[in-house]
Amino acid sequence: MELRATVFETLKSTTPGSAADDQELIRRCLNGEELAWECLVERYKRLIYSIPIKNGYQSSDAADIFQSVCLDLLESLGSLRDSTKLKTWLITVTVRKCIDLREKMSREAVTLSEGEADRVVDGRLDISRISLEVEQEQVIREAMKKLPLRCATLIQHLFFDEPRLSYSEIAKRFGVSSNSIGPARDRCLEKLKDILGGAGLTLGEAGGLKKSSHEDLS
């Protein structure tokens, strides 16, 4: 069990989207290695889940979409010859699953109760826009890995967690006063900007961070 965990963490730790390493995982999956499949799914789990969640779907719907995308991926592994396109393929398939579910829910809306009808997601899903947003988020997440753990966790809570936590809820998790969250956020964002700057990017060029629910990013 300990050896299995070590191998899993080694495979999983590779930067998501690295074509050579994705290719190796795909090769191992096709050879029937269960651990390689688990690592591939774990590597892209957050990416797949983020698309329905950020586009207004409930957690249960996001879980269904995730399972469906994984099934399509498993069935398509043999045809994914160009591993550099794996992330784009996953984004495209996930968005299409979201569109299919939205259309299904819209067709069924006439028979739903008022509360259930609220679950129907309105608006069009633009694959190009979502792809760009996901790519930008990945850049920021990679930069966050270089932050101190406390800063990375704070930014995760403020800008990425769904549903968003209030300042008081975040303060309780850190064991500090809610008044300290704003200044801590500013310090952590400055560190993040410095890391992105070292890579030749600004926070804006990396897609920025959406405003948190309770404070402006001034």
Protein backbone atom coordinates (compact mmCIF):
# COMPACT_ATOMS: atom_id res chain seq x y z
CA MET A 1 0.00 0.00 0.00
CA GLU A 2 2.83 2.41 0.86
CA LEU A 3 4.59 1.68 -2.45
CA ARG A 4 1.34 2.22 -4.36
CA ALA A 5 0.84 5.58 -2.66
CA THR A 6 4.41 6.63 -3.47
CA VAL A 7 4.06 5.73 -7.14
CA PHE A 8 0.69 7.49 -7.33
CA GLU A 9 2.05 10.72 -5.83
CA THR A 10 5.07 10.61 -8.15
CA LEU A 11 2.90 10.29 -11.24
CA LYS A 12 0.33 12.80 -10.03
CA SER A 13 2.90 15.47 -9.15
CA THR A 14 3.83 16.11 -12.76
CA THR A 15 2.62 19.47 -14.05
CA PRO A 16 -0.84 19.07 -15.66
CA GLY A 17 -0.77 19.53 -19.41
CA SER A 18 2.79 18.33 -19.87
CA ALA A 19 2.47 16.55 -23.21
CA ALA A 20 5.27 14.04 -22.70
CA ASP A 21 3.98 12.95 -19.31
CA ASP A 22 0.37 12.81 -20.46
CA GLN A 23 1.52 10.61 -23.31
CA GLU A 24 3.26 8.28 -20.86
CA LEU A 25 0.15 8.03 -18.70
CA ILE A 26 -2.01 7.34 -21.75
CA ARG A 27 0.43 4.63 -22.85
CA ARG A 28 0.26 3.01 -19.43
CA CYS A 29 -3.53 3.24 -19.40
CA LEU A 30 -3.69 1.46 -22.75
CA ASN A 31 -1.43 -1.24 -21.27
CA GLY A 32 -4.05 -1.81 -18.60
CA GLU A 33 -2.30 -0.09 -15.66
CA GLU A 34 -5.09 0.91 -13.26
CA LEU A 35 -2.84 3.25 -11.29
CA ALA A 36 -2.00 5.25 -14.42
CA TRP A 37 -5.72 5.77 -15.08
CA GLU A 38 -6.27 6.93 -11.51
CA CYS A 39 -3.40 9.41 -11.89
CA LEU A 40 -4.71 10.74 -15.21
CA VAL A 41 -8.17 11.29 -13.75
CA GLU A 42 -6.74 12.91 -10.61
CA ARG A 43 -4.56 15.22 -12.71
CA TYR A 44 -7.54 16.66 -14.61
CA LYS A 45 -10.30 16.24 -12.03
CA ARG A 46 -10.21 19.87 -10.88
CA LEU A 47 -10.16 21.12 -14.48
CA ILE A 48 -13.23 19.09 -15.46
CA TYR A 49 -15.21 19.94 -12.34
CA SER A 50 -14.43 23.66 -12.57
CA ILE A 51 -16.27 24.12 -15.87
CA PRO A 52 -19.82 23.15 -14.81
CA ILE A 53 -19.39 24.69 -11.35
CA LYS A 54 -18.27 28.06 -12.74
CA ASN A 55 -21.14 28.02 -15.22
CA GLY A 56 -23.85 27.66 -12.62
CA TYR A 57 -24.43 23.92 -12.37
CA GLN A 58 -25.06 22.27 -9.02
CA SER A 59 -22.50 19.94 -7.49
CA SER A 60 -24.60 16.88 -8.29
CA ASP A 61 -24.82 17.92 -11.95
CA ALA A 62 -21.06 18.60 -12.02
CA ALA A 63 -20.43 15.12 -10.63
CA ASP A 64 -22.59 13.56 -13.36
CA ILE A 65 -20.75 15.56 -16.04
CA PHE A 66 -17.40 14.53 -14.57
CA GLN A 67 -18.32 10.85 -14.66
CA SER A 68 -19.57 11.15 -18.24
CA VAL A 69 -16.39 12.93 -19.39
CA CYS A 70 -14.21 10.28 -17.73
CA LEU A 71 -16.16 7.54 -19.50
CA ASP A 72 -15.67 9.29 -22.85
CA LEU A 73 -11.98 9.72 -22.09
CA LEU A 74 -11.57 6.04 -21.27
CA GLU A 75 -13.28 5.05 -24.51
CA SER A 76 -11.20 7.55 -26.55
CA LEU A 77 -7.72 6.91 -25.14
CA GLY A 78 -6.69 4.81 -28.12
CA SER A 79 -7.49 7.64 -30.54
CA LEU A 80 -5.74 10.40 -28.55
CA ARG A 81 -2.51 10.22 -30.52
CA ASP A 82 -1.55 13.85 -29.89
CA SER A 83 -1.31 14.23 -26.11
CA THR A 84 -0.67 17.98 -26.47
CA LYS A 85 -4.38 18.32 -27.27
CA LEU A 86 -5.62 16.33 -24.26
CA LYS A 87 -6.49 19.36 -22.13
CA THR A 88 -8.26 21.08 -25.02
CA TRP A 89 -10.12 17.84 -25.76
CA LEU A 90 -11.26 17.58 -22.13
CA ILE A 91 -12.42 21.21 -22.06
CA THR A 92 -14.36 20.80 -25.30
CA VAL A 93 -16.02 17.55 -24.23
CA THR A 94 -16.91 18.97 -20.80
CA VAL A 95 -18.47 22.12 -22.28
CA ARG A 96 -20.51 20.01 -24.70
CA LYS A 97 -21.71 17.86 -21.80
CA CYS A 98 -22.79 21.06 -20.04
CA ILE A 99 -24.65 22.22 -23.13
CA ASP A 100 -26.36 18.84 -23.52
CA LEU A 101 -27.46 18.87 -19.88
CA ARG A 102 -28.73 22.44 -20.13
CA GLU A 103 -30.78 21.59 -23.20
CA LYS A 104 -32.16 18.47 -21.53
CA MET A 105 -33.11 20.46 -18.44
CA SER A 106 -34.72 23.15 -20.59
CA ARG A 107 -36.85 20.57 -22.42
CA GLU A 108 -37.95 19.10 -19.11
CA ALA A 109 -38.53 22.47 -17.41
CA VAL A 110 -42.20 22.56 -18.38
CA THR A 111 -42.83 19.48 -16.22
CA LEU A 112 -40.70 20.56 -13.27
CA SER A 113 -41.89 22.18 -10.08
CA GLU A 114 -40.95 25.82 -9.51
CA GLY A 115 -38.00 24.87 -7.30
CA GLU A 116 -36.68 22.29 -9.73
CA ALA A 117 -37.02 24.67 -12.68
CA ASP A 118 -34.55 27.00 -10.95
CA ARG A 119 -31.86 24.38 -11.65
CA VAL A 120 -32.05 25.04 -15.40
CA VAL A 121 -28.90 26.92 -16.40
CA ASP A 122 -29.57 29.88 -18.67
CA GLY A 123 -27.26 31.47 -21.20
CA ARG A 124 -24.97 30.17 -23.92
CA LEU A 125 -21.72 28.39 -23.18
CA ASP A 126 -18.89 29.66 -25.36
CA ILE A 127 -16.22 26.99 -25.78
CA SER A 128 -13.54 29.50 -26.82
CA ARG A 129 -14.25 31.77 -23.85
CA ILE A 130 -14.31 28.92 -21.36
CA SER A 131 -11.12 27.43 -22.81
CA LEU A 132 -9.33 30.76 -22.39
CA GLU A 133 -10.60 31.18 -18.83
CA VAL A 134 -9.52 27.65 -17.89
CA GLU A 135 -6.06 28.15 -19.41
CA GLN A 136 -5.68 31.42 -17.50
CA GLU A 137 -6.79 29.80 -14.26
CA GLN A 138 -4.23 27.03 -14.77
CA VAL A 139 -1.45 29.63 -15.08
CA ILE A 140 -2.53 31.23 -11.82
CA ARG A 141 -2.83 27.87 -10.04
CA GLU A 142 0.68 26.90 -11.13
CA ALA A 143 1.97 30.20 -9.73
CA MET A 144 0.05 29.57 -6.48
CA LYS A 145 2.05 26.39 -5.92
CA LYS A 146 5.08 28.61 -5.32
CA LEU A 147 3.34 30.63 -2.62
CA PRO A 148 3.62 29.86 1.09
CA LEU A 149 0.90 27.36 2.01
CA ARG A 150 -1.04 29.90 4.07
CA CYS A 151 -1.16 32.38 1.18
CA ALA A 152 -2.12 29.73 -1.36
CA THR A 153 -4.93 28.51 0.92
CA LEU A 154 -6.22 32.05 1.46
CA ILE A 155 -6.33 32.81 -2.27
CA GLN A 156 -8.00 29.44 -2.88
CA HIS A 157 -10.73 30.31 -0.36
CA LEU A 158 -11.21 33.85 -1.66
CA PHE A 159 -11.26 33.29 -5.40
CA PHE A 160 -11.66 29.63 -6.29
CA ASP A 161 -13.78 27.83 -3.71
CA GLU A 162 -17.46 27.31 -4.56
CA PRO A 163 -19.57 28.39 -2.83
CA ARG A 164 -17.52 31.41 -1.79
CA LEU A 165 -16.73 31.69 1.90
CA SER A 166 -17.34 34.88 3.85
CA TYR A 167 -14.44 36.70 5.51
CA SER A 168 -15.69 35.55 8.91
CA GLU A 169 -15.77 31.91 7.77
CA ILE A 170 -12.24 32.16 6.38
CA ALA A 171 -11.05 33.87 9.56
CA LYS A 172 -12.40 30.98 11.65
CA ARG A 173 -10.47 28.49 9.55
CA PHE A 174 -7.26 30.44 10.05
CA GLY A 175 -7.94 31.20 13.70
CA VAL A 176 -7.65 34.97 13.20
CA SER A 177 -9.96 37.99 13.26
CA SER A 178 -11.98 38.78 10.15
CA ASN A 179 -10.35 42.23 10.01
CA SER A 180 -7.00 40.61 9.24
CA ILE A 181 -8.19 38.84 6.09
CA GLY A 182 -8.17 41.93 3.86
CA PRO A 183 -4.56 42.94 4.61
CA ALA A 184 -3.42 39.31 4.38
CA ARG A 185 -5.14 39.01 1.02
CA ASP A 186 -3.31 42.10 -0.27
CA ARG A 187 0.07 40.75 0.86
CA CYS A 188 -0.57 37.37 -0.73
CA LEU A 189 -1.70 38.94 -4.00
CA GLU A 190 1.52 40.96 -4.10
CA LYS A 191 3.52 37.75 -3.69
CA LEU A 192 1.49 36.13 -6.46
CA LYS A 193 2.13 39.12 -8.75
CA ASP A 194 5.87 38.84 -8.04
CA ILE A 195 5.84 35.14 -8.99
CA LEU A 196 3.96 35.84 -12.22
CA GLY A 197 6.29 38.75 -12.90
CA GLY A 198 9.24 36.39 -12.66
CA ALA A 199 7.62 34.37 -15.44
CA GLY A 200 7.19 37.49 -17.55
CA LEU A 201 3.47 37.84 -16.82
CA THR A 202 1.24 40.27 -14.99
CA LEU A 203 -1.81 39.16 -13.03
CA GLY A 204 -3.96 40.75 -15.74
CA GLU A 205 -2.19 38.85 -18.51
CA ALA A 206 -2.78 35.63 -16.60
CA GLY A 207 -6.51 36.33 -16.60
CA GLY A 208 -6.67 38.09 -13.25
CA LEU A 209 -8.74 36.94 -10.31
CA LYS A 210 -12.45 37.52 -10.04
CA LYS A 211 -13.44 39.79 -7.19
CA SER A 212 -14.14 38.01 -3.97
CA SER A 213 -17.69 38.16 -2.68
CA HIS A 214 -17.01 40.68 0.04
CA GLU A 215 -14.13 42.92 -1.02
CA ASP A 216 -12.91 44.71 -4.12
CA LEU A 217 -9.47 43.91 -5.47
CA SER A 218 -8.26 47.44 -5.00
